[in-house]
Amino acid sequence: MDGEKARVVHRRDSPEGISDRAYAMTEKYKDGTAAFTRSMRNRMVQTLLRIKMATEQESLQAIRPL
């Protein structure tokens, strides 16, 4: 990108909330909505860090002399 910067945003919106069935399944199988939300956020951060590392690695390789 020749010195340009990019911003990557990772979001999981549910403006209308989740259904009663999804809530019940989250409570039963995902240790509750608070634990699921923490887990989801942690995985999103991990994904963004992997994207950042891959992009930076690619940028370094592009400027490294042969």
PDB file of N, CA and C in Angstrom:
ATOM      1  N   MET A   1       0.825  -1.197   0.000  1.00  0.00           N
ATOM      2  CA  MET A   1       0.000   0.000   0.000  1.00  0.00           C
ATOM      3  C   MET A   1       0.865   1.254   0.000  1.00  0.00           C
ATOM      4  N   ASP A   2       2.150   1.106  -0.128  1.00  0.00           N
ATOM      5  CA  ASP A   2       3.063   2.231  -0.269  1.00  0.00           C
ATOM      6  C   ASP A   2       2.857   3.328   0.766  1.00  0.00           C
ATOM      7  N   GLY A   3       2.939   2.985   2.031  1.00  0.00           N
ATOM      8  CA  GLY A   3       2.845   3.975   3.095  1.00  0.00           C
ATOM      9  C   GLY A   3       1.433   4.348   3.496  1.00  0.00           C
ATOM     10  N   GLU A   4       0.454   3.859   2.784  1.00  0.00           N
ATOM     11  CA  GLU A   4      -0.927   4.148   3.153  1.00  0.00           C
ATOM     12  C   GLU A   4      -1.302   3.317   4.370  1.00  0.00           C
ATOM     13  N   LYS A   5      -2.262   3.801   5.100  1.00  0.00           N
ATOM     14  CA  LYS A   5      -2.754   3.044   6.255  1.00  0.00           C
ATOM     15  C   LYS A   5      -4.177   2.593   5.989  1.00  0.00           C
ATOM     16  N   ALA A   6      -4.500   1.461   6.569  1.00  0.00           N
ATOM     17  CA  ALA A   6      -5.856   0.921   6.445  1.00  0.00           C
ATOM     18  C   ALA A   6      -6.374   0.632   7.841  1.00  0.00           C
ATOM     19  N   ARG A   7      -7.652   0.749   8.003  1.00  0.00           N
ATOM     20  CA  ARG A   7      -8.285   0.426   9.281  1.00  0.00           C
ATOM     21  C   ARG A   7      -9.250  -0.725   9.040  1.00  0.00           C
ATOM     22  N   VAL A   8      -9.071  -1.789   9.806  1.00  0.00           N
ATOM     23  CA  VAL A   8      -9.945  -2.955   9.690  1.00  0.00           C
ATOM     24  C   VAL A   8     -10.810  -3.001  10.938  1.00  0.00           C
ATOM     25  N   VAL A   9     -12.099  -3.122  10.739  1.00  0.00           N
ATOM     26  CA  VAL A   9     -13.049  -3.175  11.855  1.00  0.00           C
ATOM     27  C   VAL A   9     -13.777  -4.509  11.789  1.00  0.00           C
ATOM     28  N   HIS A  10     -13.846  -5.164  12.902  1.00  0.00           N
ATOM     29  CA  HIS A  10     -14.500  -6.471  13.001  1.00  0.00           C
ATOM     30  C   HIS A  10     -15.662  -6.294  13.965  1.00  0.00           C
ATOM     31  N   ARG A  11     -16.894  -6.465  13.489  1.00  0.00           N
ATOM     32  CA  ARG A  11     -18.067  -6.247  14.335  1.00  0.00           C
ATOM     33  C   ARG A  11     -19.054  -7.386  14.207  1.00  0.00           C
ATOM     34  N   ARG A  12     -19.787  -7.588  15.266  1.00  0.00           N
ATOM     35  CA  ARG A  12     -20.880  -8.553  15.269  1.00  0.00           C
ATOM     36  C   ARG A  12     -22.082  -7.840  15.873  1.00  0.00           C
ATOM     37  N   ASP A  13     -22.885  -7.220  15.040  1.00  0.00           N
ATOM     38  CA  ASP A  13     -24.038  -6.456  15.512  1.00  0.00           C
ATOM     39  C   ASP A  13     -25.278  -7.324  15.613  1.00  0.00           C
ATOM     40  N   SER A  14     -26.081  -7.026  16.594  1.00  0.00           N
ATOM     41  CA  SER A  14     -27.417  -7.614  16.695  1.00  0.00           C
ATOM     42  C   SER A  14     -28.316  -6.541  17.313  1.00  0.00           C
ATOM     43  N   PRO A  15     -28.644  -5.517  16.512  1.00  0.00           N
ATOM     44  CA  PRO A  15     -29.381  -4.367  17.038  1.00  0.00           C
ATOM     45  C   PRO A  15     -30.751  -4.709  17.616  1.00  0.00           C
ATOM     46  N   GLU A  16     -31.310  -5.798  17.165  1.00  0.00           N
ATOM     47  CA  GLU A  16     -32.625  -6.200  17.670  1.00  0.00           C
ATOM     48  C   GLU A  16     -32.515  -7.289  18.721  1.00  0.00           C
ATOM     49  N   GLY A  17     -31.291  -7.536  19.201  1.00  0.00           N
ATOM     50  CA  GLY A  17     -31.087  -8.578  20.201  1.00  0.00           C
ATOM     51  C   GLY A  17     -31.089  -9.949  19.560  1.00  0.00           C
ATOM     52  N   ILE A  18     -31.169 -10.963  20.394  1.00  0.00           N
ATOM     53  CA  ILE A  18     -31.201 -12.335  19.882  1.00  0.00           C
ATOM     54  C   ILE A  18     -32.528 -12.978  20.260  1.00  0.00           C
ATOM     55  N   SER A  19     -32.869 -14.020  19.556  1.00  0.00           N
ATOM     56  CA  SER A  19     -34.151 -14.685  19.811  1.00  0.00           C
ATOM     57  C   SER A  19     -34.117 -15.398  21.166  1.00  0.00           C
ATOM     58  N   ASP A  20     -35.280 -15.721  21.669  1.00  0.00           N
ATOM     59  CA  ASP A  20     -35.368 -16.456  22.932  1.00  0.00           C
ATOM     60  C   ASP A  20     -34.653 -17.803  22.824  1.00  0.00           C
ATOM     61  N   ARG A  21     -34.771 -18.435  21.656  1.00  0.00           N
ATOM     62  CA  ARG A  21     -34.109 -19.728  21.451  1.00  0.00           C
ATOM     63  C   ARG A  21     -32.589 -19.564  21.476  1.00  0.00           C
ATOM     64  N   ALA A  22     -32.076 -18.534  20.797  1.00  0.00           N
ATOM     65  CA  ALA A  22     -30.631 -18.295  20.787  1.00  0.00           C
ATOM     66  C   ALA A  22     -30.135 -17.980  22.194  1.00  0.00           C
ATOM     67  N   TYR A  23     -30.921 -17.212  22.941  1.00  0.00           N
ATOM     68  CA  TYR A  23     -30.549 -16.884  24.318  1.00  0.00           C
ATOM     69  C   TYR A  23     -30.476 -18.159  25.171  1.00  0.00           C
ATOM     70  N   ALA A  24     -31.490 -18.991  25.039  1.00  0.00           N
ATOM     71  CA  ALA A  24     -31.527 -20.233  25.824  1.00  0.00           C
ATOM     72  C   ALA A  24     -30.358 -21.149  25.461  1.00  0.00           C
ATOM     73  N   MET A  25     -30.049 -21.251  24.172  1.00  0.00           N
ATOM     74  CA  MET A  25     -28.928 -22.094  23.747  1.00  0.00           C
ATOM     75  C   MET A  25     -27.603 -21.522  24.258  1.00  0.00           C
ATOM     76  N   THR A  26     -27.469 -20.209  24.233  1.00  0.00           N
ATOM     77  CA  THR A  26     -26.240 -19.564  24.724  1.00  0.00           C
ATOM     78  C   THR A  26     -26.080 -19.816  26.221  1.00  0.00           C
ATOM     79  N   GLU A  27     -27.150 -19.708  26.945  1.00  0.00           N
ATOM     80  CA  GLU A  27     -27.099 -19.962  28.388  1.00  0.00           C
ATOM     81  C   GLU A  27     -26.723 -21.415  28.675  1.00  0.00           C
ATOM     82  N   LYS A  28     -27.294 -22.335  27.898  1.00  0.00           N
ATOM     83  CA  LYS A  28     -27.085 -23.754  28.161  1.00  0.00           C
ATOM     84  C   LYS A  28     -25.729 -24.265  27.671  1.00  0.00           C
ATOM     85  N   TYR A  29     -25.330 -23.863  26.454  1.00  0.00           N
ATOM     86  CA  TYR A  29     -24.151 -24.465  25.831  1.00  0.00           C
ATOM     87  C   TYR A  29     -22.908 -23.570  25.798  1.00  0.00           C
ATOM     88  N   LYS A  30     -23.063 -22.284  26.077  1.00  0.00           N
ATOM     89  CA  LYS A  30     -21.929 -21.363  25.986  1.00  0.00           C
ATOM     90  C   LYS A  30     -21.642 -20.666  27.309  1.00  0.00           C
ATOM     91  N   ASP A  31     -22.108 -21.227  28.408  1.00  0.00           N
ATOM     92  CA  ASP A  31     -21.868 -20.681  29.758  1.00  0.00           C
ATOM     93  C   ASP A  31     -22.432 -19.281  29.969  1.00  0.00           C
ATOM     94  N   GLY A  32     -23.478 -18.951  29.257  1.00  0.00           N
ATOM     95  CA  GLY A  32     -24.148 -17.669  29.456  1.00  0.00           C
ATOM     96  C   GLY A  32     -23.694 -16.610  28.474  1.00  0.00           C
ATOM     97  N   THR A  33     -24.520 -15.563  28.373  1.00  0.00           N
ATOM     98  CA  THR A  33     -24.235 -14.527  27.382  1.00  0.00           C
ATOM     99  C   THR A  33     -22.984 -13.721  27.724  1.00  0.00           C
ATOM    100  N   ALA A  34     -22.711 -13.478  28.991  1.00  0.00           N
ATOM    101  CA  ALA A  34     -21.514 -12.710  29.365  1.00  0.00           C
ATOM    102  C   ALA A  34     -20.244 -13.464  28.969  1.00  0.00           C
ATOM    103  N   ALA A  35     -20.191 -14.751  29.263  1.00  0.00           N
ATOM    104  CA  ALA A  35     -19.027 -15.559  28.910  1.00  0.00           C
ATOM    105  C   ALA A  35     -18.889 -15.672  27.393  1.00  0.00           C
ATOM    106  N   PHE A  36     -20.011 -15.838  26.704  1.00  0.00           N
ATOM    107  CA  PHE A  36     -19.976 -15.935  25.247  1.00  0.00           C
ATOM    108  C   PHE A  36     -19.480 -14.634  24.633  1.00  0.00           C
ATOM    109  N   THR A  37     -19.954 -13.496  25.156  1.00  0.00           N
ATOM    110  CA  THR A  37     -19.523 -12.193  24.646  1.00  0.00           C
ATOM    111  C   THR A  37     -18.026 -12.001  24.850  1.00  0.00           C
ATOM    112  N   ARG A  38     -17.514 -12.359  26.032  1.00  0.00           N
ATOM    113  CA  ARG A  38     -16.071 -12.260  26.286  1.00  0.00           C
ATOM    114  C   ARG A  38     -15.289 -13.130  25.307  1.00  0.00           C
ATOM    115  N   SER A  39     -15.755 -14.342  25.121  1.00  0.00           N
ATOM    116  CA  SER A  39     -15.092 -15.270  24.219  1.00  0.00           C
ATOM    117  C   SER A  39     -15.104 -14.739  22.778  1.00  0.00           C
ATOM    118  N   MET A  40     -16.235 -14.224  22.353  1.00  0.00           N
ATOM    119  CA  MET A  40     -16.366 -13.677  21.003  1.00  0.00           C
ATOM    120  C   MET A  40     -15.412 -12.499  20.811  1.00  0.00           C
ATOM    121  N   ARG A  41     -15.369 -11.611  21.781  1.00  0.00           N
ATOM    122  CA  ARG A  41     -14.469 -10.449  21.684  1.00  0.00           C
ATOM    123  C   ARG A  41     -13.012 -10.882  21.642  1.00  0.00           C
ATOM    124  N   ASN A  42     -12.650 -11.864  22.468  1.00  0.00           N
ATOM    125  CA  ASN A  42     -11.268 -12.350  22.467  1.00  0.00           C
ATOM    126  C   ASN A  42     -10.897 -12.943  21.110  1.00  0.00           C
ATOM    127  N   ARG A  43     -11.810 -13.710  20.533  1.00  0.00           N
ATOM    128  CA  ARG A  43     -11.532 -14.300  19.219  1.00  0.00           C
ATOM    129  C   ARG A  43     -11.453 -13.236  18.129  1.00  0.00           C
ATOM    130  N   MET A  44     -12.267 -12.195  18.240  1.00  0.00           N
ATOM    131  CA  MET A  44     -12.212 -11.108  17.268  1.00  0.00           C
ATOM    132  C   MET A  44     -10.867 -10.378  17.365  1.00  0.00           C
ATOM    133  N   VAL A  45     -10.395 -10.140  18.576  1.00  0.00           N
ATOM    134  CA  VAL A  45      -9.090  -9.497  18.765  1.00  0.00           C
ATOM    135  C   VAL A  45      -7.987 -10.371  18.178  1.00  0.00           C
ATOM    136  N   GLN A  46      -8.056 -11.674  18.416  1.00  0.00           N
ATOM    137  CA  GLN A  46      -7.055 -12.588  17.866  1.00  0.00           C
ATOM    138  C   GLN A  46      -7.049 -12.536  16.338  1.00  0.00           C
ATOM    139  N   THR A  47      -8.223 -12.507  15.746  1.00  0.00           N
ATOM    140  CA  THR A  47      -8.330 -12.436  14.292  1.00  0.00           C
ATOM    141  C   THR A  47      -7.705 -11.149  13.767  1.00  0.00           C
ATOM    142  N   LEU A  48      -8.023 -10.024  14.407  1.00  0.00           N
ATOM    143  CA  LEU A  48      -7.472  -8.747  13.970  1.00  0.00           C
ATOM    144  C   LEU A  48      -5.953  -8.712  14.128  1.00  0.00           C
ATOM    145  N   LEU A  49      -5.442  -9.290  15.202  1.00  0.00           N
ATOM    146  CA  LEU A  49      -3.989  -9.336  15.386  1.00  0.00           C
ATOM    147  C   LEU A  49      -3.320 -10.181  14.310  1.00  0.00           C
ATOM    148  N   ARG A  50      -3.946 -11.307  13.949  1.00  0.00           N
ATOM    149  CA  ARG A  50      -3.383 -12.146  12.880  1.00  0.00           C
ATOM    150  C   ARG A  50      -3.380 -11.403  11.543  1.00  0.00           C
ATOM    151  N   ILE A  51      -4.436 -10.653  11.267  1.00  0.00           N
ATOM    152  CA  ILE A  51      -4.495  -9.857  10.041  1.00  0.00           C
ATOM    153  C   ILE A  51      -3.385  -8.809  10.054  1.00  0.00           C
ATOM    154  N   LYS A  52      -3.218  -8.135  11.178  1.00  0.00           N
ATOM    155  CA  LYS A  52      -2.186  -7.104  11.311  1.00  0.00           C
ATOM    156  C   LYS A  52      -0.797  -7.706  11.108  1.00  0.00           C
ATOM    157  N   MET A  53      -0.524  -8.818  11.759  1.00  0.00           N
ATOM    158  CA  MET A  53       0.784  -9.452  11.639  1.00  0.00           C
ATOM    159  C   MET A  53       1.055  -9.895  10.195  1.00  0.00           C
ATOM    160  N   ALA A  54       0.073 -10.473   9.545  1.00  0.00           N
ATOM    161  CA  ALA A  54       0.239 -10.926   8.163  1.00  0.00           C
ATOM    162  C   ALA A  54       0.475  -9.740   7.235  1.00  0.00           C
ATOM    163  N   THR A  55      -0.248  -8.665   7.457  1.00  0.00           N
ATOM    164  CA  THR A  55      -0.092  -7.475   6.624  1.00  0.00           C
ATOM    165  C   THR A  55       1.284  -6.857   6.820  1.00  0.00           C
ATOM    166  N   GLU A  56       1.714  -6.758   8.079  1.00  0.00           N
ATOM    167  CA  GLU A  56       3.031  -6.186   8.354  1.00  0.00           C
ATOM    168  C   GLU A  56       4.134  -7.068   7.781  1.00  0.00           C
ATOM    169  N   GLN A  57       3.974  -8.369   7.884  1.00  0.00           N
ATOM    170  CA  GLN A  57       4.954  -9.309   7.321  1.00  0.00           C
ATOM    171  C   GLN A  57       5.037  -9.121   5.812  1.00  0.00           C
ATOM    172  N   GLU A  58       3.891  -8.996   5.174  1.00  0.00           N
ATOM    173  CA  GLU A  58       3.848  -8.810   3.728  1.00  0.00           C
ATOM    174  C   GLU A  58       4.506  -7.485   3.339  1.00  0.00           C
ATOM    175  N   SER A  59       4.262  -6.436   4.121  1.00  0.00           N
ATOM    176  CA  SER A  59       4.870  -5.133   3.848  1.00  0.00           C
ATOM    177  C   SER A  59       6.379  -5.205   3.980  1.00  0.00           C
ATOM    178  N   LEU A  60       6.868  -5.904   5.006  1.00  0.00           N
ATOM    179  CA  LEU A  60       8.312  -6.041   5.197  1.00  0.00           C
ATOM    180  C   LEU A  60       8.941  -6.796   4.038  1.00  0.00           C
ATOM    181  N   GLN A  61       8.289  -7.825   3.565  1.00  0.00           N
ATOM    182  CA  GLN A  61       8.820  -8.608   2.458  1.00  0.00           C
ATOM    183  C   GLN A  61       8.848  -7.787   1.186  1.00  0.00           C
ATOM    184  N   ALA A  62       7.893  -6.888   1.027  1.00  0.00           N
ATOM    185  CA  ALA A  62       7.819  -6.068  -0.183  1.00  0.00           C
ATOM    186  C   ALA A  62       8.966  -5.058  -0.236  1.00  0.00           C
ATOM    187  N   ILE A  63       9.461  -4.594   0.918  1.00  0.00           N
ATOM    188  CA  ILE A  63      10.520  -3.586   0.906  1.00  0.00           C
ATOM    189  C   ILE A  63      11.905  -4.188   1.113  1.00  0.00           C
ATOM    190  N   ARG A  64      11.977  -5.463   1.468  1.00  0.00           N
ATOM    191  CA  ARG A  64      13.254  -6.128   1.706  1.00  0.00           C
ATOM    192  C   ARG A  64      13.960  -6.341   0.368  1.00  0.00           C
ATOM    193  N   PRO A  65      15.228  -5.899   0.259  1.00  0.00           N
ATOM    194  CA  PRO A  65      15.944  -6.103  -1.008  1.00  0.00           C
ATOM    195  C   PRO A  65      16.197  -7.578  -1.260  1.00  0.00           C
ATOM    196  N   LEU A  66      16.232  -7.949  -2.519  1.00  0.00           N
ATOM    197  CA  LEU A  66      16.482  -9.347  -2.896  1.00  0.00           C
ATOM    198  C   LEU A  66      17.932  -9.687  -2.883  1.00  0.00           C
TER     199      LEU A  66
END
